[in-house]
Every structure is written in C-alpha cells, then in structure tokens.
Amino acid sequence: MTDRERLALDALDPLPRQMRRWIFIAASLIAAIGVGAAMAHVYKAIVPPPPPQLELVDKIRVLTQSLNSSATVIGEIEKEISDRIKLVDRLKNDAATAEHLASLHREQAEAIAQALKGQLRKQEQDNFWSSNFQALFWTFVGVLMTEVFHFVKRRLNKRFPARARGSQDGFA
C-alpha cells in the first residue's frame, strides 16, 4: 500500500489509528479487571472465611458451658443406668416368684389335665355315636328316596306303556 492510498483510507476512517489502539488497550484492561473480579468472587464462594479468633475470656466461657452441659448429660446417663439396674432387680424377683408359683401349682395343673383328658374322652365317644347315627339316618333317607323313585317309575310305566318299551325320554 502506498502512502497515498493510506492517506485516502485514513481520510475515510472516522477514528485515527492511534485512537483505535488506545480504545483497544482500555477495553483489554477493563476485561482483565472483570475477569479478576469474577475469579475473586468464585474464590470467596469456594474457600470459607477463617473462623474469628476468640479472646481468652470467650474461650474460657465456651469451655465452661461445654463442661456444664457434659456434667448434666453424665448425670442423666447415671440416672438412666440406676433406673435400669432397679428394673433388672425387679425382673429377677418376678422370675423367682413365678418359678416358685409354678412349682407349687404343678400338682394342681396335673389334676386339671387329668380332668380335661376325661372330658375329652367322653366328648370323643359322644361324637362317635352322633356321627354314626347321622350316617345311618342319611343312609335310610337314600334308600327311601331310591324306593320312591322306583315306585314313581313303575306307576309311569303302567300309565304310559309306550315309554316302558324304550322311549327317548330316558324313563326306561
């Protein structure tokens, strides 16, 4: 490009060449500051701030509160343990009493078992006779129904002799 052409292009350009260079430098600086600010924000979001340093008086107060709450919890635990020990002792006494009562009532339990066995035997015998009578009753009912059916069949055969020789109605 010749000097003449360059002068013609510079005449057409609204901003001179040096001015464009300064605008580019300023834009680059603003972009760099924006990227730096974004990186600082991300760093603050990721890394937690250090805990504030407590003074000695505050540290002693916090430790005293922790010790007091620990003492309270230990007292509650000791009370729970003593309650459970009392419960175990009471359960042991109940178990001993139950075992003693079981040994005393063993004879009575055996007598009740014998009485129940006798009643069960009697019920079994009653059930045996009851079921046999029911079976006999239904057998008689079956025989009676068979005889009634044959009687009706003979009456129908006398009344309608054509059916008796083998009709298609199924009475033969």
N, C-alpha and C. Protein backbone atom coordinates (compact mmCIF):
# COMPACT_ATOMS: atom_id res chain seq x y z
N MET A 1 0.83 -1.15 0.00
CA MET A 1 0.00 0.00 0.00
C MET A 1 0.91 1.26 0.00
N THR A 2 0.53 2.13 -0.82
CA THR A 2 1.35 3.34 -0.94
C THR A 2 0.89 4.36 0.07
N ASP A 3 1.69 5.39 0.21
CA ASP A 3 1.34 6.44 1.17
C ASP A 3 0.07 7.17 0.76
N ARG A 4 -0.10 7.30 -0.48
CA ARG A 4 -1.27 7.98 -0.97
C ARG A 4 -2.55 7.20 -0.65
N GLU A 5 -2.46 5.90 -0.87
CA GLU A 5 -3.64 5.08 -0.56
C GLU A 5 -3.94 5.08 0.94
N ARG A 6 -2.87 5.05 1.72
CA ARG A 6 -3.05 5.05 3.16
C ARG A 6 -3.67 6.35 3.61
N LEU A 7 -3.25 7.46 3.06
CA LEU A 7 -3.81 8.74 3.41
C LEU A 7 -5.28 8.81 3.01
N ALA A 8 -5.61 8.18 1.88
CA ALA A 8 -7.00 8.17 1.43
C ALA A 8 -7.87 7.34 2.40
N LEU A 9 -7.33 6.21 2.84
CA LEU A 9 -8.08 5.37 3.78
C LEU A 9 -8.21 6.05 5.14
N ASP A 10 -7.13 6.75 5.59
CA ASP A 10 -7.20 7.45 6.86
C ASP A 10 -8.20 8.60 6.80
N ALA A 11 -8.36 9.17 5.64
CA ALA A 11 -9.31 10.26 5.50
C ALA A 11 -10.73 9.74 5.61
N LEU A 12 -10.97 8.53 5.11
CA LEU A 12 -12.29 7.94 5.18
C LEU A 12 -12.61 7.41 6.60
N ASP A 13 -11.59 7.03 7.37
CA ASP A 13 -11.77 6.44 8.69
C ASP A 13 -12.14 7.54 9.68
N PRO A 14 -13.27 7.38 10.47
CA PRO A 14 -13.66 8.43 11.39
C PRO A 14 -12.72 8.55 12.59
N LEU A 15 -12.09 7.43 13.02
CA LEU A 15 -11.16 7.48 14.15
C LEU A 15 -9.74 7.28 13.65
N PRO A 16 -8.84 8.09 14.13
CA PRO A 16 -7.47 7.88 13.69
C PRO A 16 -6.91 6.58 14.26
N ARG A 17 -5.86 6.09 13.68
CA ARG A 17 -5.29 4.80 14.00
C ARG A 17 -4.82 4.74 15.46
N GLN A 18 -4.19 5.76 15.96
CA GLN A 18 -3.69 5.77 17.34
C GLN A 18 -4.83 5.73 18.33
N MET A 19 -5.91 6.37 18.01
CA MET A 19 -7.05 6.38 18.91
C MET A 19 -7.65 4.97 19.02
N ARG A 20 -7.69 4.29 17.92
CA ARG A 20 -8.19 2.91 17.97
C ARG A 20 -7.31 2.05 18.85
N ARG A 21 -6.02 2.27 18.82
CA ARG A 21 -5.10 1.50 19.64
C ARG A 21 -5.39 1.74 21.13
N TRP A 22 -5.63 2.99 21.54
CA TRP A 22 -5.92 3.29 22.94
C TRP A 22 -7.26 2.71 23.37
N ILE A 23 -8.24 2.70 22.48
CA ILE A 23 -9.54 2.09 22.80
C ILE A 23 -9.37 0.58 23.04
N PHE A 24 -8.55 -0.05 22.18
CA PHE A 24 -8.30 -1.49 22.34
C PHE A 24 -7.59 -1.76 23.66
N ILE A 25 -6.63 -0.94 24.05
CA ILE A 25 -5.90 -1.13 25.31
C ILE A 25 -6.85 -0.94 26.50
N ALA A 26 -7.71 0.07 26.43
CA ALA A 26 -8.65 0.31 27.52
C ALA A 26 -9.64 -0.85 27.65
N ALA A 27 -10.14 -1.34 26.52
CA ALA A 27 -11.08 -2.48 26.56
C ALA A 27 -10.40 -3.72 27.15
N SER A 28 -9.14 -3.94 26.79
CA SER A 28 -8.40 -5.09 27.33
C SER A 28 -8.22 -4.95 28.84
N LEU A 29 -7.92 -3.74 29.31
CA LEU A 29 -7.76 -3.53 30.76
C LEU A 29 -9.08 -3.76 31.50
N ILE A 30 -10.19 -3.25 30.96
CA ILE A 30 -11.50 -3.44 31.59
C ILE A 30 -11.86 -4.93 31.64
N ALA A 31 -11.58 -5.67 30.56
CA ALA A 31 -11.86 -7.11 30.53
C ALA A 31 -11.01 -7.84 31.57
N ALA A 32 -9.74 -7.46 31.70
CA ALA A 32 -8.85 -8.10 32.67
C ALA A 32 -9.35 -7.83 34.10
N ILE A 33 -9.80 -6.61 34.37
CA ILE A 33 -10.33 -6.29 35.71
C ILE A 33 -11.60 -7.10 35.98
N GLY A 34 -12.49 -7.25 34.97
CA GLY A 34 -13.71 -8.04 35.14
C GLY A 34 -13.42 -9.51 35.42
N VAL A 35 -12.45 -10.06 34.69
CA VAL A 35 -12.07 -11.46 34.92
C VAL A 35 -11.49 -11.61 36.32
N GLY A 36 -10.68 -10.67 36.76
CA GLY A 36 -10.10 -10.73 38.11
C GLY A 36 -11.17 -10.67 39.18
N ALA A 37 -12.17 -9.78 38.98
CA ALA A 37 -13.25 -9.68 39.96
C ALA A 37 -14.07 -10.97 40.01
N ALA A 38 -14.33 -11.56 38.85
CA ALA A 38 -15.08 -12.83 38.82
C ALA A 38 -14.31 -13.93 39.53
N MET A 39 -13.00 -13.97 39.32
CA MET A 39 -12.18 -15.00 39.99
C MET A 39 -12.17 -14.79 41.50
N ALA A 40 -12.13 -13.55 41.94
CA ALA A 40 -12.15 -13.27 43.38
C ALA A 40 -13.49 -13.69 43.98
N HIS A 41 -14.59 -13.47 43.28
CA HIS A 41 -15.92 -13.87 43.78
C HIS A 41 -16.02 -15.40 43.89
N VAL A 42 -15.52 -16.10 42.87
CA VAL A 42 -15.54 -17.57 42.90
C VAL A 42 -14.68 -18.08 44.04
N TYR A 43 -13.53 -17.49 44.26
CA TYR A 43 -12.64 -17.90 45.35
C TYR A 43 -13.33 -17.73 46.70
N LYS A 44 -14.01 -16.60 46.91
CA LYS A 44 -14.73 -16.37 48.17
C LYS A 44 -15.86 -17.37 48.36
N ALA A 45 -16.49 -17.77 47.26
CA ALA A 45 -17.59 -18.73 47.37
C ALA A 45 -17.07 -20.13 47.69
N ILE A 46 -15.91 -20.48 47.20
CA ILE A 46 -15.38 -21.84 47.40
C ILE A 46 -14.66 -21.96 48.75
N VAL A 47 -13.80 -21.02 49.06
CA VAL A 47 -12.99 -21.10 50.28
C VAL A 47 -13.74 -20.38 51.41
N PRO A 48 -14.06 -21.09 52.51
CA PRO A 48 -14.76 -20.43 53.62
C PRO A 48 -13.83 -19.46 54.34
N PRO A 49 -14.39 -18.44 54.92
CA PRO A 49 -13.53 -17.48 55.64
C PRO A 49 -13.01 -18.13 56.93
N PRO A 50 -11.88 -17.73 57.39
CA PRO A 50 -11.35 -18.31 58.64
C PRO A 50 -12.24 -17.93 59.81
N PRO A 51 -12.35 -18.82 60.77
CA PRO A 51 -13.21 -18.52 61.93
C PRO A 51 -12.62 -17.34 62.71
N PRO A 52 -13.50 -16.56 63.30
CA PRO A 52 -12.99 -15.41 64.06
C PRO A 52 -12.23 -15.89 65.30
N GLN A 53 -11.17 -15.22 65.60
CA GLN A 53 -10.36 -15.57 66.75
C GLN A 53 -11.05 -15.07 68.01
N LEU A 54 -11.28 -16.00 68.95
CA LEU A 54 -11.91 -15.63 70.21
C LEU A 54 -10.84 -15.18 71.21
N GLU A 55 -11.24 -14.32 72.05
CA GLU A 55 -10.33 -13.90 73.11
C GLU A 55 -10.31 -14.98 74.19
N LEU A 56 -9.37 -14.89 75.07
CA LEU A 56 -9.20 -15.90 76.11
C LEU A 56 -10.42 -15.98 77.01
N VAL A 57 -11.04 -14.87 77.32
CA VAL A 57 -12.22 -14.87 78.19
C VAL A 57 -13.37 -15.61 77.49
N ASP A 58 -13.54 -15.36 76.19
CA ASP A 58 -14.60 -16.04 75.44
C ASP A 58 -14.34 -17.54 75.36
N LYS A 59 -13.08 -17.91 75.15
CA LYS A 59 -12.74 -19.34 75.09
C LYS A 59 -13.05 -20.03 76.42
N ILE A 60 -12.71 -19.36 77.51
CA ILE A 60 -12.98 -19.94 78.84
C ILE A 60 -14.48 -20.07 79.05
N ARG A 61 -15.25 -19.08 78.63
CA ARG A 61 -16.71 -19.15 78.79
C ARG A 61 -17.29 -20.31 77.98
N VAL A 62 -16.82 -20.49 76.73
CA VAL A 62 -17.31 -21.60 75.89
C VAL A 62 -16.95 -22.94 76.51
N LEU A 63 -15.74 -23.08 77.01
CA LEU A 63 -15.32 -24.34 77.64
C LEU A 63 -16.13 -24.61 78.91
N THR A 64 -16.43 -23.57 79.67
CA THR A 64 -17.22 -23.75 80.88
C THR A 64 -18.63 -24.22 80.54
N GLN A 65 -19.23 -23.65 79.52
CA GLN A 65 -20.56 -24.09 79.08
C GLN A 65 -20.53 -25.54 78.62
N SER A 66 -19.49 -25.92 77.88
CA SER A 66 -19.37 -27.31 77.42
C SER A 66 -19.25 -28.27 78.61
N LEU A 67 -18.44 -27.89 79.60
CA LEU A 67 -18.28 -28.76 80.77
C LEU A 67 -19.59 -28.87 81.56
N ASN A 68 -20.32 -27.77 81.69
CA ASN A 68 -21.60 -27.82 82.41
C ASN A 68 -22.60 -28.72 81.68
N SER A 69 -22.69 -28.61 80.36
CA SER A 69 -23.62 -29.46 79.62
C SER A 69 -23.18 -30.92 79.69
N SER A 70 -21.87 -31.17 79.67
CA SER A 70 -21.37 -32.55 79.81
C SER A 70 -21.73 -33.12 81.17
N ALA A 71 -21.59 -32.31 82.22
CA ALA A 71 -21.94 -32.79 83.56
C ALA A 71 -23.42 -33.12 83.65
N THR A 72 -24.26 -32.29 83.01
CA THR A 72 -25.70 -32.55 83.01
C THR A 72 -26.01 -33.86 82.29
N VAL A 73 -25.39 -34.07 81.14
CA VAL A 73 -25.62 -35.30 80.38
C VAL A 73 -25.14 -36.52 81.16
N ILE A 74 -23.98 -36.40 81.81
CA ILE A 74 -23.46 -37.53 82.59
C ILE A 74 -24.41 -37.86 83.74
N GLY A 75 -24.99 -36.84 84.38
CA GLY A 75 -25.96 -37.08 85.45
C GLY A 75 -27.19 -37.82 84.93
N GLU A 76 -27.66 -37.42 83.75
CA GLU A 76 -28.82 -38.10 83.17
C GLU A 76 -28.50 -39.55 82.83
N ILE A 77 -27.30 -39.79 82.33
CA ILE A 77 -26.88 -41.16 82.00
C ILE A 77 -26.82 -42.02 83.26
N GLU A 78 -26.24 -41.46 84.35
CA GLU A 78 -26.16 -42.21 85.61
C GLU A 78 -27.56 -42.54 86.15
N LYS A 79 -28.49 -41.58 86.03
CA LYS A 79 -29.86 -41.83 86.49
C LYS A 79 -30.50 -42.95 85.66
N GLU A 80 -30.29 -42.92 84.36
CA GLU A 80 -30.85 -43.97 83.48
C GLU A 80 -30.27 -45.34 83.83
N ILE A 81 -28.99 -45.38 84.10
CA ILE A 81 -28.35 -46.66 84.46
C ILE A 81 -28.92 -47.17 85.78
N SER A 82 -29.08 -46.29 86.77
CA SER A 82 -29.63 -46.75 88.05
C SER A 82 -31.08 -47.23 87.89
N ASP A 83 -31.86 -46.54 87.04
CA ASP A 83 -33.24 -46.99 86.79
C ASP A 83 -33.25 -48.37 86.15
N ARG A 84 -32.34 -48.59 85.23
CA ARG A 84 -32.29 -49.90 84.57
C ARG A 84 -31.82 -51.00 85.54
N ILE A 85 -30.93 -50.67 86.42
CA ILE A 85 -30.49 -51.67 87.42
C ILE A 85 -31.66 -52.05 88.32
N LYS A 86 -32.46 -51.05 88.74
CA LYS A 86 -33.65 -51.35 89.55
C LYS A 86 -34.63 -52.23 88.78
N LEU A 87 -34.80 -51.95 87.49
CA LEU A 87 -35.71 -52.76 86.67
C LEU A 87 -35.21 -54.20 86.57
N VAL A 88 -33.92 -54.38 86.39
CA VAL A 88 -33.36 -55.73 86.31
C VAL A 88 -33.58 -56.48 87.62
N ASP A 89 -33.37 -55.80 88.74
CA ASP A 89 -33.59 -56.45 90.05
C ASP A 89 -35.06 -56.85 90.21
N ARG A 90 -35.97 -55.96 89.80
CA ARG A 90 -37.40 -56.28 89.92
C ARG A 90 -37.76 -57.46 89.01
N LEU A 91 -37.19 -57.50 87.82
CA LEU A 91 -37.47 -58.63 86.92
C LEU A 91 -36.92 -59.94 87.49
N LYS A 92 -35.77 -59.88 88.13
CA LYS A 92 -35.22 -61.10 88.74
C LYS A 92 -36.14 -61.59 89.85
N ASN A 93 -36.65 -60.68 90.67
CA ASN A 93 -37.58 -61.07 91.74
C ASN A 93 -38.87 -61.66 91.15
N ASP A 94 -39.39 -61.03 90.08
CA ASP A 94 -40.60 -61.56 89.45
C ASP A 94 -40.37 -62.96 88.88
N ALA A 95 -39.20 -63.19 88.30
CA ALA A 95 -38.90 -64.51 87.74
C ALA A 95 -38.81 -65.55 88.85
N ALA A 96 -38.20 -65.19 89.97
CA ALA A 96 -38.09 -66.13 91.09
C ALA A 96 -39.49 -66.45 91.64
N THR A 97 -40.33 -65.43 91.76
CA THR A 97 -41.70 -65.65 92.26
C THR A 97 -42.48 -66.54 91.30
N ALA A 98 -42.36 -66.31 90.01
CA ALA A 98 -43.08 -67.12 89.03
C ALA A 98 -42.62 -68.57 89.07
N GLU A 99 -41.31 -68.78 89.24
CA GLU A 99 -40.80 -70.16 89.32
C GLU A 99 -41.32 -70.85 90.58
N HIS A 100 -41.38 -70.13 91.69
CA HIS A 100 -41.88 -70.71 92.94
C HIS A 100 -43.37 -71.07 92.79
N LEU A 101 -44.16 -70.16 92.20
CA LEU A 101 -45.58 -70.45 91.99
C LEU A 101 -45.78 -71.62 91.04
N ALA A 102 -44.93 -71.73 90.03
CA ALA A 102 -45.05 -72.85 89.10
C ALA A 102 -44.81 -74.18 89.80
N SER A 103 -43.85 -74.22 90.71
CA SER A 103 -43.58 -75.48 91.41
C SER A 103 -44.72 -75.82 92.38
N LEU A 104 -45.34 -74.78 93.01
CA LEU A 104 -46.44 -75.04 93.92
C LEU A 104 -47.69 -75.55 93.18
N HIS A 105 -47.95 -75.02 92.01
CA HIS A 105 -49.17 -75.35 91.30
C HIS A 105 -49.00 -76.50 90.30
N ARG A 106 -47.86 -77.15 90.31
CA ARG A 106 -47.64 -78.25 89.39
C ARG A 106 -48.64 -79.38 89.64
N GLU A 107 -48.89 -79.70 90.90
CA GLU A 107 -49.84 -80.76 91.23
C GLU A 107 -51.25 -80.38 90.78
N GLN A 108 -51.62 -79.12 91.01
CA GLN A 108 -52.94 -78.69 90.57
C GLN A 108 -53.06 -78.75 89.05
N ALA A 109 -52.01 -78.38 88.35
CA ALA A 109 -52.03 -78.42 86.89
C ALA A 109 -52.19 -79.85 86.40
N GLU A 110 -51.51 -80.79 87.05
CA GLU A 110 -51.65 -82.20 86.65
C GLU A 110 -53.08 -82.69 86.90
N ALA A 111 -53.70 -82.27 88.00
CA ALA A 111 -55.08 -82.68 88.29
C ALA A 111 -56.03 -82.11 87.24
N ILE A 112 -55.85 -80.87 86.86
CA ILE A 112 -56.70 -80.25 85.83
C ILE A 112 -56.51 -80.96 84.49
N ALA A 113 -55.27 -81.33 84.19
CA ALA A 113 -55.01 -82.03 82.93
C ALA A 113 -55.73 -83.38 82.90
N GLN A 114 -55.74 -84.10 84.03
CA GLN A 114 -56.44 -85.38 84.08
C GLN A 114 -57.94 -85.18 83.88
N ALA A 115 -58.50 -84.15 84.51
CA ALA A 115 -59.94 -83.89 84.36
C ALA A 115 -60.27 -83.55 82.91
N LEU A 116 -59.43 -82.75 82.28
CA LEU A 116 -59.66 -82.38 80.87
C LEU A 116 -59.55 -83.59 79.96
N LYS A 117 -58.60 -84.47 80.24
CA LYS A 117 -58.46 -85.68 79.42
C LYS A 117 -59.72 -86.54 79.51
N GLY A 118 -60.28 -86.66 80.72
CA GLY A 118 -61.52 -87.44 80.89
C GLY A 118 -62.67 -86.81 80.11
N GLN A 119 -62.80 -85.49 80.17
CA GLN A 119 -63.87 -84.82 79.43
C GLN A 119 -63.68 -84.98 77.92
N LEU A 120 -62.45 -84.91 77.48
CA LEU A 120 -62.19 -85.08 76.05
C LEU A 120 -62.55 -86.49 75.58
N ARG A 121 -62.22 -87.50 76.40
CA ARG A 121 -62.59 -88.87 76.04
C ARG A 121 -64.10 -89.01 75.92
N LYS A 122 -64.85 -88.43 76.87
CA LYS A 122 -66.31 -88.51 76.83
C LYS A 122 -66.85 -87.82 75.58
N GLN A 123 -66.29 -86.65 75.24
CA GLN A 123 -66.75 -85.96 74.04
C GLN A 123 -66.43 -86.76 72.78
N GLU A 124 -65.29 -87.43 72.76
CA GLU A 124 -64.95 -88.26 71.60
C GLU A 124 -65.96 -89.39 71.44
N GLN A 125 -66.35 -90.01 72.53
CA GLN A 125 -67.34 -91.09 72.46
C GLN A 125 -68.68 -90.54 71.98
N ASP A 126 -69.10 -89.40 72.54
CA ASP A 126 -70.37 -88.79 72.10
C ASP A 126 -70.32 -88.45 70.62
N ASN A 127 -69.22 -87.92 70.17
CA ASN A 127 -69.08 -87.58 68.75
C ASN A 127 -69.11 -88.84 67.88
N PHE A 128 -68.53 -89.93 68.37
CA PHE A 128 -68.54 -91.19 67.62
C PHE A 128 -69.97 -91.65 67.39
N TRP A 129 -70.77 -91.71 68.49
CA TRP A 129 -72.16 -92.19 68.35
C TRP A 129 -73.00 -91.21 67.53
N SER A 130 -72.78 -89.93 67.72
CA SER A 130 -73.55 -88.94 66.97
C SER A 130 -73.27 -89.06 65.47
N SER A 131 -72.02 -89.20 65.10
CA SER A 131 -71.69 -89.31 63.67
C SER A 131 -72.21 -90.62 63.09
N ASN A 132 -72.20 -91.71 63.87
CA ASN A 132 -72.74 -92.98 63.35
C ASN A 132 -74.26 -92.88 63.15
N PHE A 133 -74.97 -92.23 64.08
CA PHE A 133 -76.42 -92.07 63.91
C PHE A 133 -76.74 -91.19 62.71
N GLN A 134 -75.95 -90.17 62.49
CA GLN A 134 -76.18 -89.33 61.31
C GLN A 134 -75.95 -90.12 60.02
N ALA A 135 -74.91 -90.92 59.99
CA ALA A 135 -74.64 -91.72 58.80
C ALA A 135 -75.79 -92.70 58.55
N LEU A 136 -76.30 -93.34 59.61
CA LEU A 136 -77.41 -94.28 59.48
C LEU A 136 -78.66 -93.55 58.98
N PHE A 137 -78.94 -92.35 59.51
CA PHE A 137 -80.11 -91.58 59.08
C PHE A 137 -80.03 -91.27 57.59
N TRP A 138 -78.88 -90.78 57.13
CA TRP A 138 -78.77 -90.41 55.71
C TRP A 138 -78.79 -91.64 54.81
N THR A 139 -78.35 -92.76 55.32
CA THR A 139 -78.45 -94.00 54.54
C THR A 139 -79.92 -94.35 54.35
N PHE A 140 -80.70 -94.28 55.42
CA PHE A 140 -82.14 -94.56 55.31
C PHE A 140 -82.82 -93.58 54.36
N VAL A 141 -82.45 -92.32 54.44
CA VAL A 141 -83.04 -91.33 53.53
C VAL A 141 -82.71 -91.69 52.08
N GLY A 142 -81.48 -92.13 51.82
CA GLY A 142 -81.09 -92.52 50.46
C GLY A 142 -81.87 -93.72 49.97
N VAL A 143 -82.02 -94.72 50.83
CA VAL A 143 -82.79 -95.92 50.45
C VAL A 143 -84.24 -95.54 50.18
N LEU A 144 -84.83 -94.73 51.05
CA LEU A 144 -86.21 -94.29 50.89
C LEU A 144 -86.39 -93.53 49.58
N MET A 145 -85.48 -92.63 49.26
CA MET A 145 -85.59 -91.86 48.01
C MET A 145 -85.48 -92.78 46.80
N THR A 146 -84.62 -93.79 46.88
CA THR A 146 -84.49 -94.75 45.78
C THR A 146 -85.80 -95.50 45.57
N GLU A 147 -86.40 -95.95 46.68
CA GLU A 147 -87.66 -96.67 46.58
C GLU A 147 -88.76 -95.76 46.03
N VAL A 148 -88.81 -94.53 46.45
CA VAL A 148 -89.82 -93.60 45.93
C VAL A 148 -89.62 -93.41 44.44
N PHE A 149 -88.40 -93.26 44.00
CA PHE A 149 -88.12 -93.08 42.58
C PHE A 149 -88.59 -94.30 41.78
N HIS A 150 -88.27 -95.52 42.26
CA HIS A 150 -88.70 -96.73 41.55
C HIS A 150 -90.22 -96.86 41.54
N PHE A 151 -90.87 -96.47 42.63
CA PHE A 151 -92.33 -96.52 42.67
C PHE A 151 -92.93 -95.59 41.62
N VAL A 152 -92.41 -94.37 41.56
CA VAL A 152 -92.91 -93.40 40.57
C VAL A 152 -92.63 -93.93 39.16
N LYS A 153 -91.50 -94.53 38.95
CA LYS A 153 -91.13 -95.05 37.64
C LYS A 153 -92.09 -96.18 37.23
N ARG A 154 -92.43 -97.09 38.15
CA ARG A 154 -93.36 -98.17 37.83
C ARG A 154 -94.74 -97.62 37.52
N ARG A 155 -95.19 -96.62 38.27
CA ARG A 155 -96.51 -96.02 38.03
C ARG A 155 -96.56 -95.38 36.65
N LEU A 156 -95.48 -94.71 36.31
CA LEU A 156 -95.45 -94.06 34.99
C LEU A 156 -95.40 -95.10 33.88
N ASN A 157 -94.71 -96.21 34.10
CA ASN A 157 -94.63 -97.27 33.08
C ASN A 157 -96.00 -97.93 32.89
N LYS A 158 -96.79 -98.08 33.97
CA LYS A 158 -98.13 -98.64 33.83
C LYS A 158 -99.05 -97.67 33.11
N ARG A 159 -98.90 -96.41 33.38
CA ARG A 159 -99.77 -95.41 32.79
C ARG A 159 -99.43 -95.17 31.33
N PHE A 160 -98.17 -95.13 31.03
CA PHE A 160 -97.72 -94.89 29.66
C PHE A 160 -96.86 -96.06 29.21
N PRO A 161 -97.45 -97.14 28.71
CA PRO A 161 -96.69 -98.33 28.34
C PRO A 161 -95.72 -98.10 27.18
N ALA A 162 -95.95 -97.12 26.31
CA ALA A 162 -95.05 -96.88 25.18
C ALA A 162 -93.69 -96.43 25.69
N ARG A 163 -93.67 -95.73 26.74
CA ARG A 163 -92.39 -95.26 27.29
C ARG A 163 -91.63 -96.42 27.93
N ALA A 164 -92.32 -97.38 28.43
CA ALA A 164 -91.69 -98.51 29.12
C ALA A 164 -90.89 -99.36 28.16
N ARG A 165 -91.26 -99.37 26.85
CA ARG A 165 -90.56 -100.22 25.89
C ARG A 165 -89.27 -99.58 25.38
N GLY A 166 -88.95 -98.45 25.78
CA GLY A 166 -87.69 -97.83 25.33
C GLY A 166 -87.90 -96.55 24.57
N SER A 167 -88.54 -95.63 25.18
CA SER A 167 -88.76 -94.36 24.52
C SER A 167 -87.51 -93.50 24.61
N GLN A 168 -87.61 -92.36 24.06
CA GLN A 168 -86.44 -91.50 24.03
C GLN A 168 -86.39 -90.54 25.21
N ASP A 169 -87.36 -90.64 26.12
CA ASP A 169 -87.39 -89.70 27.25
C ASP A 169 -86.42 -90.11 28.36
N GLY A 170 -85.95 -91.32 28.37
CA GLY A 170 -84.98 -91.76 29.38
C GLY A 170 -85.61 -92.38 30.59
N PHE A 171 -86.93 -92.76 30.57
CA PHE A 171 -87.55 -93.42 31.72
C PHE A 171 -87.38 -94.92 31.70
N ALA A 172 -86.87 -95.46 30.64
CA ALA A 172 -86.82 -96.91 30.52
C ALA A 172 -85.67 -97.48 31.29
